[in-house]
Amino acid sequence: MSIALWRILLKAQAEPDAPLTCDECLAILNCLADEAIDEASPDTIWQAVYKHLARCPRCREQYWKWLRRWEAKRAGQPRDVES
């Protein structure tokens, strides 16, 4: 399911306490990974993502995989690192 990122961001800004769905959270994480955002993102986006990650093991695992890949990339390791 493809979700327009701008719709998710508008929702996060308009309703900062509303939880994200799994698809919305993964769409944001994919965007962050694909665009390799420079360590800074709007606080409202991260707050919404962290709230979702706190309650969703599926997305939390995806987040940790993304984070490990990002850290490996910063360290100059191959992108497909899974450990």
PDB file of N, CA and C in Angstrom:
ATOM      1  N   MET A   1       0.848  -1.181   0.000  1.00  0.00           N
ATOM      2  CA  MET A   1       0.000   0.000   0.000  1.00  0.00           C
ATOM      3  C   MET A   1       0.888   1.236   0.000  1.00  0.00           C
ATOM      4  N   SER A   2       0.674   2.070  -0.955  1.00  0.00           N
ATOM      5  CA  SER A   2       1.449   3.293  -1.051  1.00  0.00           C
ATOM      6  C   SER A   2       0.654   4.452  -0.455  1.00  0.00           C
ATOM      7  N   ILE A   3       1.271   5.130   0.474  1.00  0.00           N
ATOM      8  CA  ILE A   3       0.624   6.264   1.135  1.00  0.00           C
ATOM      9  C   ILE A   3       1.403   7.517   0.790  1.00  0.00           C
ATOM     10  N   ALA A   4       0.690   8.566   0.419  1.00  0.00           N
ATOM     11  CA  ALA A   4       1.339   9.836   0.113  1.00  0.00           C
ATOM     12  C   ALA A   4       1.940  10.403   1.397  1.00  0.00           C
ATOM     13  N   LEU A   5       3.243  10.613   1.367  1.00  0.00           N
ATOM     14  CA  LEU A   5       3.933  11.100   2.557  1.00  0.00           C
ATOM     15  C   LEU A   5       3.383  12.443   3.021  1.00  0.00           C
ATOM     16  N   TRP A   6       3.022  13.307   2.098  1.00  0.00           N
ATOM     17  CA  TRP A   6       2.512  14.617   2.492  1.00  0.00           C
ATOM     18  C   TRP A   6       1.228  14.485   3.304  1.00  0.00           C
ATOM     19  N   ARG A   7       0.410  13.472   3.015  1.00  0.00           N
ATOM     20  CA  ARG A   7      -0.814  13.265   3.791  1.00  0.00           C
ATOM     21  C   ARG A   7      -0.478  12.836   5.227  1.00  0.00           C
ATOM     22  N   ILE A   8       0.519  11.990   5.353  1.00  0.00           N
ATOM     23  CA  ILE A   8       0.937  11.535   6.677  1.00  0.00           C
ATOM     24  C   ILE A   8       1.478  12.707   7.485  1.00  0.00           C
ATOM     25  N   LEU A   9       2.298  13.526   6.846  1.00  0.00           N
ATOM     26  CA  LEU A   9       2.887  14.669   7.540  1.00  0.00           C
ATOM     27  C   LEU A   9       1.824  15.673   7.959  1.00  0.00           C
ATOM     28  N   LEU A  10       0.852  15.913   7.092  1.00  0.00           N
ATOM     29  CA  LEU A  10      -0.249  16.808   7.461  1.00  0.00           C
ATOM     30  C   LEU A  10      -1.015  16.255   8.658  1.00  0.00           C
ATOM     31  N   LYS A  11      -1.269  14.950   8.642  1.00  0.00           N
ATOM     32  CA  LYS A  11      -1.973  14.322   9.766  1.00  0.00           C
ATOM     33  C   LYS A  11      -1.170  14.469  11.055  1.00  0.00           C
ATOM     34  N   ALA A  12       0.139  14.242  10.979  1.00  0.00           N
ATOM     35  CA  ALA A  12       0.990  14.332  12.169  1.00  0.00           C
ATOM     36  C   ALA A  12       1.009  15.753  12.736  1.00  0.00           C
ATOM     37  N   GLN A  13       0.986  16.738  11.863  1.00  0.00           N
ATOM     38  CA  GLN A  13       0.976  18.119  12.333  1.00  0.00           C
ATOM     39  C   GLN A  13      -0.392  18.520  12.869  1.00  0.00           C
ATOM     40  N   ALA A  14      -1.450  18.108  12.192  1.00  0.00           N
ATOM     41  CA  ALA A  14      -2.799  18.490  12.598  1.00  0.00           C
ATOM     42  C   ALA A  14      -3.246  17.765  13.861  1.00  0.00           C
ATOM     43  N   GLU A  15      -2.808  16.521  14.003  1.00  0.00           N
ATOM     44  CA  GLU A  15      -3.213  15.697  15.139  1.00  0.00           C
ATOM     45  C   GLU A  15      -1.986  15.046  15.771  1.00  0.00           C
ATOM     46  N   PRO A  16      -1.154  15.813  16.482  1.00  0.00           N
ATOM     47  CA  PRO A  16       0.095  15.259  17.014  1.00  0.00           C
ATOM     48  C   PRO A  16      -0.087  14.101  17.982  1.00  0.00           C
ATOM     49  N   ASP A  17      -1.260  13.958  18.601  1.00  0.00           N
ATOM     50  CA  ASP A  17      -1.494  12.856  19.532  1.00  0.00           C
ATOM     51  C   ASP A  17      -2.128  11.631  18.868  1.00  0.00           C
ATOM     52  N   ALA A  18      -2.508  11.768  17.613  1.00  0.00           N
ATOM     53  CA  ALA A  18      -3.115  10.637  16.909  1.00  0.00           C
ATOM     54  C   ALA A  18      -2.038   9.620  16.533  1.00  0.00           C
ATOM     55  N   PRO A  19      -2.275   8.341  16.798  1.00  0.00           N
ATOM     56  CA  PRO A  19      -1.264   7.330  16.472  1.00  0.00           C
ATOM     57  C   PRO A  19      -1.163   7.097  14.966  1.00  0.00           C
ATOM     58  N   LEU A  20       0.032   6.754  14.523  1.00  0.00           N
ATOM     59  CA  LEU A  20       0.246   6.376  13.132  1.00  0.00           C
ATOM     60  C   LEU A  20      -0.170   4.927  12.939  1.00  0.00           C
ATOM     61  N   THR A  21      -0.560   4.600  11.723  1.00  0.00           N
ATOM     62  CA  THR A  21      -0.772   3.195  11.390  1.00  0.00           C
ATOM     63  C   THR A  21       0.591   2.583  11.052  1.00  0.00           C
ATOM     64  N   CYS A  22       0.659   1.265  10.964  1.00  0.00           N
ATOM     65  CA  CYS A  22       1.916   0.614  10.571  1.00  0.00           C
ATOM     66  C   CYS A  22       2.366   1.109   9.197  1.00  0.00           C
ATOM     67  N   ASP A  23       1.434   1.179   8.245  1.00  0.00           N
ATOM     68  CA  ASP A  23       1.791   1.630   6.899  1.00  0.00           C
ATOM     69  C   ASP A  23       2.332   3.055   6.903  1.00  0.00           C
ATOM     70  N   GLU A  24       1.732   3.925   7.708  1.00  0.00           N
ATOM     71  CA  GLU A  24       2.209   5.303   7.791  1.00  0.00           C
ATOM     72  C   GLU A  24       3.608   5.368   8.396  1.00  0.00           C
ATOM     73  N   CYS A  25       3.814   4.627   9.457  1.00  0.00           N
ATOM     74  CA  CYS A  25       5.117   4.618  10.111  1.00  0.00           C
ATOM     75  C   CYS A  25       6.194   4.092   9.163  1.00  0.00           C
ATOM     76  N   LEU A  26       5.903   2.988   8.484  1.00  0.00           N
ATOM     77  CA  LEU A  26       6.879   2.418   7.550  1.00  0.00           C
ATOM     78  C   LEU A  26       7.134   3.347   6.364  1.00  0.00           C
ATOM     79  N   ALA A  27       6.114   4.066   5.917  1.00  0.00           N
ATOM     80  CA  ALA A  27       6.303   5.023   4.830  1.00  0.00           C
ATOM     81  C   ALA A  27       7.274   6.129   5.241  1.00  0.00           C
ATOM     82  N   ILE A  28       7.130   6.611   6.465  1.00  0.00           N
ATOM     83  CA  ILE A  28       8.050   7.638   6.962  1.00  0.00           C
ATOM     84  C   ILE A  28       9.455   7.081   7.087  1.00  0.00           C
ATOM     85  N   LEU A  29       9.582   5.885   7.665  1.00  0.00           N
ATOM     86  CA  LEU A  29      10.911   5.279   7.803  1.00  0.00           C
ATOM     87  C   LEU A  29      11.563   5.041   6.448  1.00  0.00           C
ATOM     88  N   ASN A  30      10.781   4.584   5.486  1.00  0.00           N
ATOM     89  CA  ASN A  30      11.328   4.379   4.143  1.00  0.00           C
ATOM     90  C   ASN A  30      11.796   5.692   3.530  1.00  0.00           C
ATOM     91  N   CYS A  31      11.020   6.742   3.733  1.00  0.00           N
ATOM     92  CA  CYS A  31      11.414   8.049   3.216  1.00  0.00           C
ATOM     93  C   CYS A  31      12.720   8.501   3.845  1.00  0.00           C
ATOM     94  N   LEU A  32      12.816   8.351   5.157  1.00  0.00           N
ATOM     95  CA  LEU A  32      14.036   8.760   5.846  1.00  0.00           C
ATOM     96  C   LEU A  32      15.237   7.966   5.345  1.00  0.00           C
ATOM     97  N   ALA A  33      15.050   6.685   5.142  1.00  0.00           N
ATOM     98  CA  ALA A  33      16.146   5.845   4.658  1.00  0.00           C
ATOM     99  C   ALA A  33      16.504   6.202   3.229  1.00  0.00           C
ATOM    100  N   ASP A  34      15.502   6.342   2.369  1.00  0.00           N
ATOM    101  CA  ASP A  34      15.748   6.627   0.959  1.00  0.00           C
ATOM    102  C   ASP A  34      16.398   7.986   0.738  1.00  0.00           C
ATOM    103  N   GLU A  35      15.978   8.944   1.482  1.00  0.00           N
ATOM    104  CA  GLU A  35      16.485  10.298   1.300  1.00  0.00           C
ATOM    105  C   GLU A  35      17.736  10.590   2.118  1.00  0.00           C
ATOM    106  N   ALA A  36      18.086   9.694   3.041  1.00  0.00           N
ATOM    107  CA  ALA A  36      19.254   9.871   3.917  1.00  0.00           C
ATOM    108  C   ALA A  36      19.260  11.275   4.513  1.00  0.00           C
ATOM    109  N   ILE A  37      18.204  11.574   5.203  1.00  0.00           N
ATOM    110  CA  ILE A  37      18.043  12.896   5.801  1.00  0.00           C
ATOM    111  C   ILE A  37      19.170  13.166   6.791  1.00  0.00           C
ATOM    112  N   ASP A  38      19.666  14.377   6.794  1.00  0.00           N
ATOM    113  CA  ASP A  38      20.810  14.794   7.600  1.00  0.00           C
ATOM    114  C   ASP A  38      20.490  14.926   9.086  1.00  0.00           C
ATOM    115  N   GLU A  39      20.318  13.817   9.752  1.00  0.00           N
ATOM    116  CA  GLU A  39      20.182  13.747  11.200  1.00  0.00           C
ATOM    117  C   GLU A  39      19.123  14.658  11.811  1.00  0.00           C
ATOM    118  N   ALA A  40      18.496  15.506  11.067  1.00  0.00           N
ATOM    119  CA  ALA A  40      17.504  16.415  11.633  1.00  0.00           C
ATOM    120  C   ALA A  40      16.198  16.291  10.861  1.00  0.00           C
ATOM    121  N   SER A  41      15.128  16.094  11.572  1.00  0.00           N
ATOM    122  CA  SER A  41      13.791  16.013  10.988  1.00  0.00           C
ATOM    123  C   SER A  41      12.842  16.793  11.882  1.00  0.00           C
ATOM    124  N   PRO A  42      11.736  17.191  11.334  1.00  0.00           N
ATOM    125  CA  PRO A  42      10.777  17.909  12.170  1.00  0.00           C
ATOM    126  C   PRO A  42      10.382  17.076  13.386  1.00  0.00           C
ATOM    127  N   ASP A  43      10.348  17.708  14.532  1.00  0.00           N
ATOM    128  CA  ASP A  43      10.040  17.006  15.780  1.00  0.00           C
ATOM    129  C   ASP A  43       8.701  16.294  15.747  1.00  0.00           C
ATOM    130  N   THR A  44       7.708  16.885  15.125  1.00  0.00           N
ATOM    131  CA  THR A  44       6.387  16.252  15.122  1.00  0.00           C
ATOM    132  C   THR A  44       6.406  14.910  14.410  1.00  0.00           C
ATOM    133  N   ILE A  45       7.219  14.802  13.364  1.00  0.00           N
ATOM    134  CA  ILE A  45       7.310  13.537  12.639  1.00  0.00           C
ATOM    135  C   ILE A  45       7.933  12.472  13.537  1.00  0.00           C
ATOM    136  N   TRP A  46       9.062  12.806  14.158  1.00  0.00           N
ATOM    137  CA  TRP A  46       9.737  11.835  15.011  1.00  0.00           C
ATOM    138  C   TRP A  46       8.877  11.462  16.211  1.00  0.00           C
ATOM    139  N   GLN A  47       8.168  12.410  16.786  1.00  0.00           N
ATOM    140  CA  GLN A  47       7.304  12.098  17.922  1.00  0.00           C
ATOM    141  C   GLN A  47       6.255  11.070  17.525  1.00  0.00           C
ATOM    142  N   ALA A  48       5.646  11.266  16.363  1.00  0.00           N
ATOM    143  CA  ALA A  48       4.629  10.331  15.893  1.00  0.00           C
ATOM    144  C   ALA A  48       5.236   8.949  15.632  1.00  0.00           C
ATOM    145  N   VAL A  49       6.419   8.929  15.029  1.00  0.00           N
ATOM    146  CA  VAL A  49       7.087   7.658  14.749  1.00  0.00           C
ATOM    147  C   VAL A  49       7.438   6.949  16.048  1.00  0.00           C
ATOM    148  N   TYR A  50       8.035   7.654  17.001  1.00  0.00           N
ATOM    149  CA  TYR A  50       8.431   7.029  18.260  1.00  0.00           C
ATOM    150  C   TYR A  50       7.230   6.491  19.032  1.00  0.00           C
ATOM    151  N   LYS A  51       6.131   7.225  19.014  1.00  0.00           N
ATOM    152  CA  LYS A  51       4.923   6.731  19.683  1.00  0.00           C
ATOM    153  C   LYS A  51       4.470   5.415  19.050  1.00  0.00           C
ATOM    154  N   HIS A  52       4.498   5.365  17.735  1.00  0.00           N
ATOM    155  CA  HIS A  52       4.084   4.145  17.052  1.00  0.00           C
ATOM    156  C   HIS A  52       5.057   3.010  17.341  1.00  0.00           C
ATOM    157  N   LEU A  53       6.348   3.289  17.280  1.00  0.00           N
ATOM    158  CA  LEU A  53       7.349   2.253  17.526  1.00  0.00           C
ATOM    159  C   LEU A  53       7.223   1.681  18.938  1.00  0.00           C
ATOM    160  N   ALA A  54       6.827   2.506  19.885  1.00  0.00           N
ATOM    161  CA  ALA A  54       6.691   2.048  21.266  1.00  0.00           C
ATOM    162  C   ALA A  54       5.600   0.988  21.414  1.00  0.00           C
ATOM    163  N   ARG A  55       4.612   1.013  20.537  1.00  0.00           N
ATOM    164  CA  ARG A  55       3.508   0.069  20.671  1.00  0.00           C
ATOM    165  C   ARG A  55       3.453  -0.990  19.573  1.00  0.00           C
ATOM    166  N   CYS A  56       4.334  -0.931  18.593  1.00  0.00           N
ATOM    167  CA  CYS A  56       4.239  -1.855  17.458  1.00  0.00           C
ATOM    168  C   CYS A  56       5.548  -2.613  17.246  1.00  0.00           C
ATOM    169  N   PRO A  57       5.594  -3.885  17.611  1.00  0.00           N
ATOM    170  CA  PRO A  57       6.834  -4.657  17.439  1.00  0.00           C
ATOM    171  C   PRO A  57       7.241  -4.826  15.981  1.00  0.00           C
ATOM    172  N   ARG A  58       6.282  -4.925  15.081  1.00  0.00           N
ATOM    173  CA  ARG A  58       6.589  -5.093  13.651  1.00  0.00           C
ATOM    174  C   ARG A  58       7.376  -3.891  13.116  1.00  0.00           C
ATOM    175  N   CYS A  59       6.886  -2.716  13.373  1.00  0.00           N
ATOM    176  CA  CYS A  59       7.567  -1.511  12.886  1.00  0.00           C
ATOM    177  C   CYS A  59       8.859  -1.250  13.654  1.00  0.00           C
ATOM    178  N   ARG A  60       8.862  -1.597  14.938  1.00  0.00           N
ATOM    179  CA  ARG A  60      10.068  -1.418  15.742  1.00  0.00           C
ATOM    180  C   ARG A  60      11.220  -2.250  15.163  1.00  0.00           C
ATOM    181  N   GLU A  61      10.924  -3.485  14.746  1.00  0.00           N
ATOM    182  CA  GLU A  61      11.960  -4.333  14.139  1.00  0.00           C
ATOM    183  C   GLU A  61      12.448  -3.725  12.822  1.00  0.00           C
ATOM    184  N   GLN A  62      11.522  -3.218  12.016  1.00  0.00           N
ATOM    185  CA  GLN A  62      11.921  -2.557  10.761  1.00  0.00           C
ATOM    186  C   GLN A  62      12.794  -1.343  11.047  1.00  0.00           C
ATOM    187  N   TYR A  63      12.438  -0.584  12.067  1.00  0.00           N
ATOM    188  CA  TYR A  63      13.211   0.593  12.444  1.00  0.00           C
ATOM    189  C   TYR A  63      14.635   0.200  12.831  1.00  0.00           C
ATOM    190  N   TRP A  64      14.764  -0.854  13.647  1.00  0.00           N
ATOM    191  CA  TRP A  64      16.101  -1.288  14.069  1.00  0.00           C
ATOM    192  C   TRP A  64      16.920  -1.775  12.888  1.00  0.00           C
ATOM    193  N   LYS A  65      16.281  -2.449  11.934  1.00  0.00           N
ATOM    194  CA  LYS A  65      17.004  -2.869  10.723  1.00  0.00           C
ATOM    195  C   LYS A  65      17.488  -1.643   9.952  1.00  0.00           C
ATOM    196  N   TRP A  66      16.602  -0.660   9.806  1.00  0.00           N
ATOM    197  CA  TRP A  66      16.975   0.567   9.101  1.00  0.00           C
ATOM    198  C   TRP A  66      18.119   1.263   9.827  1.00  0.00           C
ATOM    199  N   LEU A  67      18.013   1.346  11.152  1.00  0.00           N
ATOM    200  CA  LEU A  67      19.035   2.032  11.934  1.00  0.00           C
ATOM    201  C   LEU A  67      20.388   1.334  11.803  1.00  0.00           C
ATOM    202  N   ARG A  68      20.391   0.000  11.837  1.00  0.00           N
ATOM    203  CA  ARG A  68      21.655  -0.732  11.677  1.00  0.00           C
ATOM    204  C   ARG A  68      22.268  -0.473  10.296  1.00  0.00           C
ATOM    205  N   ARG A  69      21.434  -0.432   9.257  1.00  0.00           N
ATOM    206  CA  ARG A  69      21.936  -0.140   7.909  1.00  0.00           C
ATOM    207  C   ARG A  69      22.511   1.270   7.837  1.00  0.00           C
ATOM    208  N   TRP A  70      21.803   2.220   8.440  1.00  0.00           N
ATOM    209  CA  TRP A  70      22.255   3.613   8.430  1.00  0.00           C
ATOM    210  C   TRP A  70      23.583   3.745   9.160  1.00  0.00           C
ATOM    211  N   GLU A  71      23.708   3.101  10.326  1.00  0.00           N
ATOM    212  CA  GLU A  71      24.954   3.155  11.085  1.00  0.00           C
ATOM    213  C   GLU A  71      26.094   2.495  10.314  1.00  0.00           C
ATOM    214  N   ALA A  72      25.799   1.390   9.638  1.00  0.00           N
ATOM    215  CA  ALA A  72      26.822   0.721   8.832  1.00  0.00           C
ATOM    216  C   ALA A  72      27.257   1.615   7.670  1.00  0.00           C
ATOM    217  N   LYS A  73      26.304   2.294   7.074  1.00  0.00           N
ATOM    218  CA  LYS A  73      26.624   3.203   5.967  1.00  0.00           C
ATOM    219  C   LYS A  73      27.524   4.334   6.453  1.00  0.00           C
ATOM    220  N   ARG A  74      27.215   4.884   7.611  1.00  0.00           N
ATOM    221  CA  ARG A  74      28.050   5.958   8.173  1.00  0.00           C
ATOM    222  C   ARG A  74      29.447   5.458   8.509  1.00  0.00           C
ATOM    223  N   ALA A  75      29.549   4.185   8.878  1.00  0.00           N
ATOM    224  CA  ALA A  75      30.841   3.600   9.231  1.00  0.00           C
ATOM    225  C   ALA A  75      31.587   3.084   8.004  1.00  0.00           C
ATOM    226  N   GLY A  76      30.957   3.187   6.837  1.00  0.00           N
ATOM    227  CA  GLY A  76      31.593   2.762   5.601  1.00  0.00           C
ATOM    228  C   GLY A  76      31.495   1.277   5.324  1.00  0.00           C
ATOM    229  N   GLN A  77      30.539   0.602   5.978  1.00  0.00           N
ATOM    230  CA  GLN A  77      30.327  -0.816   5.738  1.00  0.00           C
ATOM    231  C   GLN A  77      29.294  -1.000   4.635  1.00  0.00           C
ATOM    232  N   PRO A  78      29.211  -2.220   4.107  1.00  0.00           N
ATOM    233  CA  PRO A  78      28.196  -2.489   3.068  1.00  0.00           C
ATOM    234  C   PRO A  78      26.799  -2.189   3.567  1.00  0.00           C
ATOM    235  N   ARG A  79      25.925  -1.795   2.662  1.00  0.00           N
ATOM    236  CA  ARG A  79      24.572  -1.377   3.003  1.00  0.00           C
ATOM    237  C   ARG A  79      23.685  -2.511   3.511  1.00  0.00           C
ATOM    238  N   ASP A  80      23.964  -3.752   3.145  1.00  0.00           N
ATOM    239  CA  ASP A  80      23.070  -4.840   3.500  1.00  0.00           C
ATOM    240  C   ASP A  80      23.398  -5.491   4.846  1.00  0.00           C
ATOM    241  N   VAL A  81      24.073  -4.788   5.719  1.00  0.00           N
ATOM    242  CA  VAL A  81      24.399  -5.312   7.038  1.00  0.00           C
ATOM    243  C   VAL A  81      23.110  -5.517   7.818  1.00  0.00           C
ATOM    244  N   GLU A  82      22.936  -6.709   8.403  1.00  0.00           N
ATOM    245  CA  GLU A  82      21.713  -7.030   9.139  1.00  0.00           C
ATOM    246  C   GLU A  82      21.950  -7.268  10.615  1.00  0.00           C
ATOM    247  N   SER A  83      23.188  -7.319  11.076  1.00  0.00           N
ATOM    248  CA  SER A  83      23.448  -7.685  12.475  1.00  0.00           C
ATOM    249  C   SER A  83      23.157  -6.575  13.439  1.00  0.00           C
TER     250      SER A  83
END
